[in-house]
């Protein structure tokens, strides 16, 4: 069973990695002038941010998937 704070740490690391990818893509593009690798880095950053949003943005029921996962985890582990 994982600690609920661990998911917060993982999501934070993913966001920091996305920012680092964007910064790295910009630096690579400015230094080399190539477009393929920086574009792939930007695409990966977009995918990472989209994954974080999928987990954290509340759905139509008003509950975020990460909150539902935490409730299911504490409900299954309580005893």
Protein backbone atom coordinates (compact mmCIF):
# COMPACT_ATOMS: atom_id res chain seq x y z
CA UNK A 1 0.00 0.00 0.00
CA UNK A 2 1.35 3.42 -0.90
CA UNK A 3 1.28 6.56 1.17
CA UNK A 4 -1.16 9.22 -0.15
CA UNK A 5 1.61 11.81 0.08
CA UNK A 6 3.62 9.68 -2.35
CA UNK A 7 1.15 10.39 -5.14
CA UNK A 8 1.52 14.12 -4.49
CA UNK A 9 5.29 13.77 -4.71
CA UNK A 10 5.07 11.80 -7.95
CA UNK A 11 2.73 14.34 -9.54
CA UNK A 12 5.04 17.16 -8.46
CA UNK A 13 8.06 15.42 -9.96
CA UNK A 14 6.19 14.88 -13.22
CA UNK A 15 5.35 18.59 -13.39
CA UNK A 16 8.96 19.56 -12.65
CA UNK A 17 10.13 17.15 -15.34
CA UNK A 18 7.70 18.73 -17.81
CA UNK A 19 9.07 22.18 -17.03
CA UNK A 20 12.64 20.88 -17.40
CA UNK A 21 11.71 19.32 -20.75
CA UNK A 22 10.30 22.60 -22.00
CA UNK A 23 13.37 24.53 -20.86
CA UNK A 24 15.69 21.93 -22.35
CA UNK A 25 13.81 21.94 -25.62
CA UNK A 26 14.12 25.71 -25.86
CA UNK A 27 17.85 25.62 -25.10
CA UNK A 28 18.44 22.79 -27.57
CA UNK A 29 16.48 24.59 -30.28
CA UNK A 30 18.40 27.86 -29.71
CA UNK A 31 21.83 26.18 -29.67
CA UNK A 32 21.48 23.73 -32.55
CA UNK A 33 18.63 25.12 -34.61
CA UNK A 34 17.23 21.64 -35.15
CA UNK A 35 13.52 21.13 -34.67
CA UNK A 36 12.87 17.39 -34.37
CA UNK A 37 14.31 16.64 -30.92
CA UNK A 38 13.00 19.83 -29.27
CA UNK A 39 9.57 19.14 -30.77
CA UNK A 40 9.61 15.64 -29.31
CA UNK A 41 10.61 17.06 -25.93
CA UNK A 42 7.71 19.52 -26.06
CA UNK A 43 5.35 16.70 -27.03
CA UNK A 44 6.53 14.64 -24.07
CA UNK A 45 6.03 17.62 -21.74
CA UNK A 46 2.49 18.08 -23.06
CA UNK A 47 1.73 14.40 -22.49
CA UNK A 48 3.12 14.57 -18.94
CA UNK A 49 1.01 17.64 -18.09
CA UNK A 50 -2.06 15.99 -19.64
CA UNK A 51 -1.53 12.94 -17.42
CA UNK A 52 -1.32 15.11 -14.31
CA UNK A 53 -4.48 16.93 -15.36
CA UNK A 54 -6.30 13.64 -15.93
CA UNK A 55 -5.54 12.64 -12.36
CA UNK A 56 -6.24 15.97 -10.68
CA UNK A 57 -9.09 17.72 -12.51
CA UNK A 58 -12.50 16.83 -11.06
CA UNK A 59 -14.94 15.03 -13.33
CA UNK A 60 -18.67 15.54 -13.72
CA UNK A 61 -19.27 14.07 -10.27
CA UNK A 62 -17.07 16.72 -8.69
CA UNK A 63 -14.38 14.29 -7.56
CA UNK A 64 -10.90 13.99 -9.01
CA UNK A 65 -9.68 10.49 -9.90
CA UNK A 66 -6.82 10.79 -7.43
CA UNK A 67 -9.30 11.51 -4.63
CA UNK A 68 -11.37 8.50 -5.64
CA UNK A 69 -8.25 6.33 -5.62
CA UNK A 70 -7.33 7.58 -2.16
CA UNK A 71 -10.83 6.84 -0.85
CA UNK A 72 -10.73 3.35 -2.34
CA UNK A 73 -7.30 2.76 -0.83
CA UNK A 74 -8.26 3.90 2.66
CA UNK A 75 -11.56 2.01 2.47
CA UNK A 76 -9.85 -1.23 1.47
CA UNK A 77 -7.03 -0.87 4.01
CA UNK A 78 -9.10 0.21 7.01
CA UNK A 79 -9.81 -2.39 9.59
